[in-house]
PDB file of N, CA and C in Angstrom:
ATOM      1  N   MET A   1      -4.523  31.516   1.725  1.00  0.00           N
ATOM      2  CA  MET A   1      -3.034  31.030   1.750  1.00  0.00           C
ATOM      3  C   MET A   1      -2.998  30.100   0.452  1.00  0.00           C
ATOM      4  N   VAL A   2      -2.094  30.321  -0.344  1.00  0.00           N
ATOM      5  CA  VAL A   2      -1.857  29.494  -1.520  1.00  0.00           C
ATOM      6  C   VAL A   2      -0.660  28.577  -1.326  1.00  0.00           C
ATOM      7  N   GLN A   3      -0.754  27.412  -1.567  1.00  0.00           N
ATOM      8  CA  GLN A   3       0.427  26.386  -1.448  1.00  0.00           C
ATOM      9  C   GLN A   3       0.665  25.704  -2.770  1.00  0.00           C
ATOM     10  N   ALA A   4       1.968  25.440  -2.922  1.00  0.00           N
ATOM     11  CA  ALA A   4       2.324  24.750  -4.163  1.00  0.00           C
ATOM     12  C   ALA A   4       3.558  23.840  -3.948  1.00  0.00           C
ATOM     13  N   TYR A   5       3.740  22.928  -4.853  1.00  0.00           N
ATOM     14  CA  TYR A   5       4.942  22.083  -5.028  1.00  0.00           C
ATOM     15  C   TYR A   5       5.620  22.704  -6.269  1.00  0.00           C
ATOM     16  N   ILE A   6       6.957  22.858  -5.890  1.00  0.00           N
ATOM     17  CA  ILE A   6       7.794  23.320  -7.092  1.00  0.00           C
ATOM     18  C   ILE A   6       8.837  22.203  -7.438  1.00  0.00           C
ATOM     19  N   LEU A   7       8.754  21.673  -8.562  1.00  0.00           N
ATOM     20  CA  LEU A   7       9.631  20.599  -9.124  1.00  0.00           C
ATOM     21  C   LEU A   7      10.810  21.214  -9.722  1.00  0.00           C
ATOM     22  N   ILE A   8      12.016  20.773  -9.428  1.00  0.00           N
ATOM     23  CA  ILE A   8      13.224  21.477  -9.822  1.00  0.00           C
ATOM     24  C   ILE A   8      14.166  20.420 -10.320  1.00  0.00           C
ATOM     25  N   GLN A   9      14.678  20.828 -11.503  1.00  0.00           N
ATOM     26  CA  GLN A   9      15.944  20.040 -12.137  1.00  0.00           C
ATOM     27  C   GLN A   9      17.091  20.994 -11.977  1.00  0.00           C
ATOM     28  N   THR A  10      18.118  20.407 -11.485  1.00  0.00           N
ATOM     29  CA  THR A  10      19.374  21.012 -11.246  1.00  0.00           C
ATOM     30  C   THR A  10      20.585  20.629 -12.141  1.00  0.00           C
ATOM     31  N   GLU A  11      21.585  21.302 -12.078  1.00  0.00           N
ATOM     32  CA  GLU A  11      22.823  20.764 -12.696  1.00  0.00           C
ATOM     33  C   GLU A  11      23.311  19.524 -12.010  1.00  0.00           C
ATOM     34  N   VAL A  12      24.054  18.639 -12.645  1.00  0.00           N
ATOM     35  CA  VAL A  12      24.545  17.339 -12.074  1.00  0.00           C
ATOM     36  C   VAL A  12      25.377  17.707 -10.779  1.00  0.00           C
ATOM     37  N   GLY A  13      25.027  17.039  -9.669  1.00  0.00           N
ATOM     38  CA  GLY A  13      25.692  17.173  -8.485  1.00  0.00           C
ATOM     39  C   GLY A  13      25.233  18.420  -7.689  1.00  0.00           C
ATOM     40  N   LYS A  14      24.386  19.167  -7.899  1.00  0.00           N
ATOM     41  CA  LYS A  14      23.861  20.287  -7.313  1.00  0.00           C
ATOM     42  C   LYS A  14      22.661  20.248  -6.470  1.00  0.00           C
ATOM     43  N   ALA A  15      22.033  19.042  -6.483  1.00  0.00           N
ATOM     44  CA  ALA A  15      20.822  18.984  -5.845  1.00  0.00           C
ATOM     45  C   ALA A  15      20.679  19.203  -4.383  1.00  0.00           C
ATOM     46  N   SER A  16      21.694  18.746  -3.570  1.00  0.00           N
ATOM     47  CA  SER A  16      21.785  18.786  -2.200  1.00  0.00           C
ATOM     48  C   SER A  16      21.994  20.424  -1.812  1.00  0.00           C
ATOM     49  N   THR A  17      22.914  20.987  -2.582  1.00  0.00           N
ATOM     50  CA  THR A  17      23.122  22.420  -2.374  1.00  0.00           C
ATOM     51  C   THR A  17      21.877  23.269  -2.612  1.00  0.00           C
ATOM     52  N   VAL A  18      21.283  23.046  -3.805  1.00  0.00           N
ATOM     53  CA  VAL A  18      20.070  23.818  -4.087  1.00  0.00           C
ATOM     54  C   VAL A  18      19.016  23.639  -3.106  1.00  0.00           C
ATOM     55  N   ALA A  19      18.718  22.416  -2.716  1.00  0.00           N
ATOM     56  CA  ALA A  19      17.775  22.077  -1.576  1.00  0.00           C
ATOM     57  C   ALA A  19      17.983  22.933  -0.370  1.00  0.00           C
ATOM     58  N   GLU A  20      19.347  22.929   0.079  1.00  0.00           N
ATOM     59  CA  GLU A  20      19.765  23.619   1.277  1.00  0.00           C
ATOM     60  C   GLU A  20      19.338  25.204   1.291  1.00  0.00           C
ATOM     61  N   THR A  21      19.734  25.786   0.059  1.00  0.00           N
ATOM     62  CA  THR A  21      19.738  27.039  -0.128  1.00  0.00           C
ATOM     63  C   THR A  21      18.225  27.489  -0.222  1.00  0.00           C
ATOM     64  N   ILE A  22      17.430  26.724  -1.051  1.00  0.00           N
ATOM     65  CA  ILE A  22      16.030  27.065  -1.072  1.00  0.00           C
ATOM     66  C   ILE A  22      15.236  26.819   0.197  1.00  0.00           C
ATOM     67  N   SER A  23      15.672  26.046   1.048  1.00  0.00           N
ATOM     68  CA  SER A  23      15.003  25.788   2.424  1.00  0.00           C
ATOM     69  C   SER A  23      15.024  27.054   3.203  1.00  0.00           C
ATOM     70  N   GLU A  24      15.919  27.996   2.954  1.00  0.00           N
ATOM     71  CA  GLU A  24      16.126  29.161   3.801  1.00  0.00           C
ATOM     72  C   GLU A  24      15.294  30.215   3.246  1.00  0.00           C
ATOM     73  N   ILE A  25      14.618  30.153   2.124  1.00  0.00           N
ATOM     74  CA  ILE A  25      13.745  31.242   1.491  1.00  0.00           C
ATOM     75  C   ILE A  25      12.520  31.298   2.349  1.00  0.00           C
ATOM     76  N   PRO A  26      12.144  32.518   2.713  1.00  0.00           N
ATOM     77  CA  PRO A  26      10.830  32.664   3.426  1.00  0.00           C
ATOM     78  C   PRO A  26       9.620  32.200   2.558  1.00  0.00           C
ATOM     79  N   GLY A  27       8.800  31.373   3.213  1.00  0.00           N
ATOM     80  CA  GLY A  27       7.625  30.765   2.548  1.00  0.00           C
ATOM     81  C   GLY A  27       7.829  29.336   2.073  1.00  0.00           C
ATOM     82  N   VAL A  28       9.071  29.020   2.038  1.00  0.00           N
ATOM     83  CA  VAL A  28       9.270  27.604   1.751  1.00  0.00           C
ATOM     84  C   VAL A  28       9.166  26.775   2.957  1.00  0.00           C
ATOM     85  N   MET A  29       8.377  25.774   2.957  1.00  0.00           N
ATOM     86  CA  MET A  29       7.834  24.888   4.006  1.00  0.00           C
ATOM     87  C   MET A  29       8.894  23.718   4.088  1.00  0.00           C
ATOM     88  N   GLN A  30       9.303  23.156   2.968  1.00  0.00           N
ATOM     89  CA  GLN A  30      10.207  21.969   2.914  1.00  0.00           C
ATOM     90  C   GLN A  30      10.811  21.880   1.595  1.00  0.00           C
ATOM     91  N   ALA A  31      11.944  21.442   1.537  1.00  0.00           N
ATOM     92  CA  ALA A  31      12.913  21.230   0.418  1.00  0.00           C
ATOM     93  C   ALA A  31      13.620  19.995   0.460  1.00  0.00           C
ATOM     94  N   GLU A  32      13.327  18.953  -0.358  1.00  0.00           N
ATOM     95  CA  GLU A  32      13.871  17.750  -0.427  1.00  0.00           C
ATOM     96  C   GLU A  32      14.551  17.396  -1.669  1.00  0.00           C
ATOM     97  N   ASP A  33      15.696  16.659  -1.623  1.00  0.00           N
ATOM     98  CA  ASP A  33      16.232  15.997  -2.723  1.00  0.00           C
ATOM     99  C   ASP A  33      15.616  14.658  -2.971  1.00  0.00           C
ATOM    100  N   VAL A  34      15.395  14.520  -4.282  1.00  0.00           N
ATOM    101  CA  VAL A  34      14.565  13.318  -4.761  1.00  0.00           C
ATOM    102  C   VAL A  34      15.369  12.694  -5.955  1.00  0.00           C
ATOM    103  N   THR A  35      14.898  11.414  -6.191  1.00  0.00           N
ATOM    104  CA  THR A  35      15.390  10.871  -7.531  1.00  0.00           C
ATOM    105  C   THR A  35      14.296  10.809  -8.448  1.00  0.00           C
ATOM    106  N   GLY A  36      14.641  10.653  -9.794  1.00  0.00           N
ATOM    107  CA  GLY A  36      13.600  10.623 -10.860  1.00  0.00           C
ATOM    108  C   GLY A  36      13.858  11.868 -11.798  1.00  0.00           C
ATOM    109  N   PRO A  37      12.829  12.246 -12.477  1.00  0.00           N
ATOM    110  CA  PRO A  37      12.901  13.244 -13.545  1.00  0.00           C
ATOM    111  C   PRO A  37      13.331  14.664 -12.923  1.00  0.00           C
ATOM    112  N   TYR A  38      13.001  14.767 -11.627  1.00  0.00           N
ATOM    113  CA  TYR A  38      13.270  16.147 -10.886  1.00  0.00           C
ATOM    114  C   TYR A  38      14.277  15.826  -9.768  1.00  0.00           C
ATOM    115  N   ASP A  39      15.070  16.741  -9.395  1.00  0.00           N
ATOM    116  CA  ASP A  39      16.170  16.626  -8.427  1.00  0.00           C
ATOM    117  C   ASP A  39      15.729  17.018  -7.061  1.00  0.00           C
ATOM    118  N   VAL A  40      14.907  18.094  -6.965  1.00  0.00           N
ATOM    119  CA  VAL A  40      14.487  18.701  -5.828  1.00  0.00           C
ATOM    120  C   VAL A  40      12.983  18.860  -5.811  1.00  0.00           C
ATOM    121  N   ILE A  41      12.263  18.664  -4.815  1.00  0.00           N
ATOM    122  CA  ILE A  41      10.775  19.112  -4.687  1.00  0.00           C
ATOM    123  C   ILE A  41      10.725  19.948  -3.404  1.00  0.00           C
ATOM    124  N   VAL A  42      10.036  21.149  -3.774  1.00  0.00           N
ATOM    125  CA  VAL A  42       9.811  22.038  -2.614  1.00  0.00           C
ATOM    126  C   VAL A  42       8.339  22.213  -2.455  1.00  0.00           C
ATOM    127  N   ARG A  43       7.970  22.333  -1.231  1.00  0.00           N
ATOM    128  CA  ARG A  43       6.499  22.768  -0.865  1.00  0.00           C
ATOM    129  C   ARG A  43       6.709  24.263  -0.184  1.00  0.00           C
ATOM    130  N   ALA A  44       5.894  25.124  -0.897  1.00  0.00           N
ATOM    131  CA  ALA A  44       5.893  26.504  -0.477  1.00  0.00           C
ATOM    132  C   ALA A  44       4.496  27.028  -0.230  1.00  0.00           C
ATOM    133  N   GLN A  45       4.512  28.145   0.401  1.00  0.00           N
ATOM    134  CA  GLN A  45       3.160  28.857   0.557  1.00  0.00           C
ATOM    135  C   GLN A  45       3.365  30.299   0.568  1.00  0.00           C
ATOM    136  N   ALA A  46       2.321  31.084   0.128  1.00  0.00           N
ATOM    137  CA  ALA A  46       2.218  32.482   0.023  1.00  0.00           C
ATOM    138  C   ALA A  46       0.790  32.927   0.240  1.00  0.00           C
ATOM    139  N   GLU A  47       0.669  34.221   0.460  1.00  0.00           N
ATOM    140  CA  GLU A  47      -0.641  34.825   0.708  1.00  0.00           C
ATOM    141  C   GLU A  47      -1.487  34.727  -0.587  1.00  0.00           C
ATOM    142  N   THR A  48      -0.887  35.094  -1.712  1.00  0.00           N
ATOM    143  CA  THR A  48      -1.671  35.104  -2.967  1.00  0.00           C
ATOM    144  C   THR A  48      -0.872  34.350  -4.059  1.00  0.00           C
ATOM    145  N   VAL A  49      -1.521  33.993  -5.168  1.00  0.00           N
ATOM    146  CA  VAL A  49      -0.964  33.478  -6.295  1.00  0.00           C
ATOM    147  C   VAL A  49       0.125  34.279  -6.968  1.00  0.00           C
ATOM    148  N   ASP A  50      -0.024  35.672  -6.847  1.00  0.00           N
ATOM    149  CA  ASP A  50       0.832  36.529  -7.467  1.00  0.00           C
ATOM    150  C   ASP A  50       2.196  36.661  -6.419  1.00  0.00           C
ATOM    151  N   GLU A  51       1.979  36.554  -5.171  1.00  0.00           N
ATOM    152  CA  GLU A  51       3.161  36.504  -4.230  1.00  0.00           C
ATOM    153  C   GLU A  51       3.889  35.327  -4.505  1.00  0.00           C
ATOM    154  N   LEU A  52       3.164  34.056  -4.729  1.00  0.00           N
ATOM    155  CA  LEU A  52       3.846  32.817  -4.863  1.00  0.00           C
ATOM    156  C   LEU A  52       4.764  32.998  -6.292  1.00  0.00           C
ATOM    157  N   GLY A  53       4.000  33.538  -7.272  1.00  0.00           N
ATOM    158  CA  GLY A  53       4.901  33.647  -8.536  1.00  0.00           C
ATOM    159  C   GLY A  53       6.148  34.434  -8.284  1.00  0.00           C
ATOM    160  N   ARG A  54       5.982  35.642  -7.580  1.00  0.00           N
ATOM    161  CA  ARG A  54       7.169  36.483  -7.333  1.00  0.00           C
ATOM    162  C   ARG A  54       8.227  35.593  -6.551  1.00  0.00           C
ATOM    163  N   MET A  55       7.775  34.844  -5.737  1.00  0.00           N
ATOM    164  CA  MET A  55       8.781  34.051  -4.811  1.00  0.00           C
ATOM    165  C   MET A  55       9.559  33.089  -5.768  1.00  0.00           C
ATOM    166  N   VAL A  56       8.801  32.496  -6.805  1.00  0.00           N
ATOM    167  CA  VAL A  56       9.521  31.371  -7.641  1.00  0.00           C
ATOM    168  C   VAL A  56      10.457  32.141  -8.538  1.00  0.00           C
ATOM    169  N   VAL A  57      10.018  33.306  -9.233  1.00  0.00           N
ATOM    170  CA  VAL A  57      10.842  34.059 -10.196  1.00  0.00           C
ATOM    171  C   VAL A  57      11.886  34.613  -9.581  1.00  0.00           C
ATOM    172  N   ALA A  58      11.657  35.393  -8.419  1.00  0.00           N
ATOM    173  CA  ALA A  58      12.645  36.375  -7.902  1.00  0.00           C
ATOM    174  C   ALA A  58      13.600  35.637  -6.860  1.00  0.00           C
ATOM    175  N   LYS A  59      13.151  34.575  -6.230  1.00  0.00           N
ATOM    176  CA  LYS A  59      14.035  33.895  -5.269  1.00  0.00           C
ATOM    177  C   LYS A  59      14.526  32.508  -5.810  1.00  0.00           C
ATOM    178  N   VAL A  60      13.544  31.644  -5.915  1.00  0.00           N
ATOM    179  CA  VAL A  60      13.912  30.236  -6.202  1.00  0.00           C
ATOM    180  C   VAL A  60      14.553  30.141  -7.370  1.00  0.00           C
ATOM    181  N   GLN A  61      14.093  30.674  -8.668  1.00  0.00           N
ATOM    182  CA  GLN A  61      14.841  30.501  -9.856  1.00  0.00           C
ATOM    183  C   GLN A  61      16.229  31.172  -9.944  1.00  0.00           C
ATOM    184  N   GLN A  62      16.452  31.975  -8.903  1.00  0.00           N
ATOM    185  CA  GLN A  62      17.859  32.710  -8.974  1.00  0.00           C
ATOM    186  C   GLN A  62      18.969  31.860  -8.227  1.00  0.00           C
ATOM    187  N   VAL A  63      18.441  30.806  -7.550  1.00  0.00           N
ATOM    188  CA  VAL A  63      19.467  29.764  -6.887  1.00  0.00           C
ATOM    189  C   VAL A  63      20.403  29.232  -7.952  1.00  0.00           C
ATOM    190  N   ASP A  64      21.654  29.362  -7.664  1.00  0.00           N
ATOM    191  CA  ASP A  64      22.768  28.778  -8.511  1.00  0.00           C
ATOM    192  C   ASP A  64      22.556  27.281  -8.593  1.00  0.00           C
ATOM    193  N   GLY A  65      22.571  26.758  -9.811  1.00  0.00           N
ATOM    194  CA  GLY A  65      22.618  25.266 -10.076  1.00  0.00           C
ATOM    195  C   GLY A  65      21.270  24.871 -10.728  1.00  0.00           C
ATOM    196  N   ILE A  66      20.170  25.792 -10.692  1.00  0.00           N
ATOM    197  CA  ILE A  66      18.881  25.248 -11.085  1.00  0.00           C
ATOM    198  C   ILE A  66      18.729  25.357 -12.643  1.00  0.00           C
ATOM    199  N   THR A  67      18.245  24.501 -13.357  1.00  0.00           N
ATOM    200  CA  THR A  67      18.145  24.593 -14.808  1.00  0.00           C
ATOM    201  C   THR A  67      16.724  24.661 -15.281  1.00  0.00           C
ATOM    202  N   ARG A  68      15.727  24.177 -14.455  1.00  0.00           N
ATOM    203  CA  ARG A  68      14.335  24.367 -14.750  1.00  0.00           C
ATOM    204  C   ARG A  68      13.490  24.170 -13.619  1.00  0.00           C
ATOM    205  N   THR A  69      12.282  24.941 -13.541  1.00  0.00           N
ATOM    206  CA  THR A  69      11.367  24.609 -12.446  1.00  0.00           C
ATOM    207  C   THR A  69       9.866  24.443 -13.100  1.00  0.00           C
ATOM    208  N   LEU A  70       9.082  23.773 -12.424  1.00  0.00           N
ATOM    209  CA  LEU A  70       7.712  23.560 -12.632  1.00  0.00           C
ATOM    210  C   LEU A  70       6.901  23.806 -11.266  1.00  0.00           C
ATOM    211  N   THR A  71       6.027  24.800 -11.248  1.00  0.00           N
ATOM    212  CA  THR A  71       5.250  25.176 -10.122  1.00  0.00           C
ATOM    213  C   THR A  71       3.890  24.437 -10.240  1.00  0.00           C
ATOM    214  N   CYS A  72       3.416  23.721  -9.208  1.00  0.00           N
ATOM    215  CA  CYS A  72       2.203  22.950  -9.184  1.00  0.00           C
ATOM    216  C   CYS A  72       1.413  23.529  -8.122  1.00  0.00           C
ATOM    217  N   PRO A  73       0.529  24.478  -8.236  1.00  0.00           N
ATOM    218  CA  PRO A  73      -0.402  24.851  -6.996  1.00  0.00           C
ATOM    219  C   PRO A  73      -1.242  23.813  -6.652  1.00  0.00           C
ATOM    220  N   VAL A  74      -1.387  23.853  -5.269  1.00  0.00           N
ATOM    221  CA  VAL A  74      -2.301  22.834  -4.558  1.00  0.00           C
ATOM    222  C   VAL A  74      -3.774  23.233  -4.675  1.00  0.00           C
ATOM    223  N   VAL A  75      -4.680  22.390  -5.035  1.00  0.00           N
ATOM    224  CA  VAL A  75      -6.150  22.819  -5.198  1.00  0.00           C
ATOM    225  C   VAL A  75      -6.898  21.849  -4.260  1.00  0.00           C
ATOM    226  N   HIS A  76      -7.869  22.459  -3.781  1.00  0.00           N
ATOM    227  CA  HIS A  76      -8.860  21.670  -2.902  1.00  0.00           C
ATOM    228  C   HIS A  76     -10.206  21.555  -3.591  1.00  0.00           C
ATOM    229  N   LEU A  77     -10.472  20.373  -4.111  1.00  0.00           N
ATOM    230  CA  LEU A  77     -11.659  20.201  -4.985  1.00  0.00           C
ATOM    231  C   LEU A  77     -12.743  19.535  -4.140  1.00  0.00           C
TER     232      LEU A  77
END
């Protein structure tokens, strides 16, 4: 299982709607509005890195109001 944090920047005033929409995507464990340089932080999981990438590109980035994403895979050192 691969887990990652997805840091999201949104259009002004869209963070809450984006977080709600993303929380419904299969594989998303949590989606929260935050303050700072990012507007929403998502914790997601998938079976493989490729599946995680497909989720981000095909589902998360297609949500209306998102301007940029940064995916940070969780590593266990």
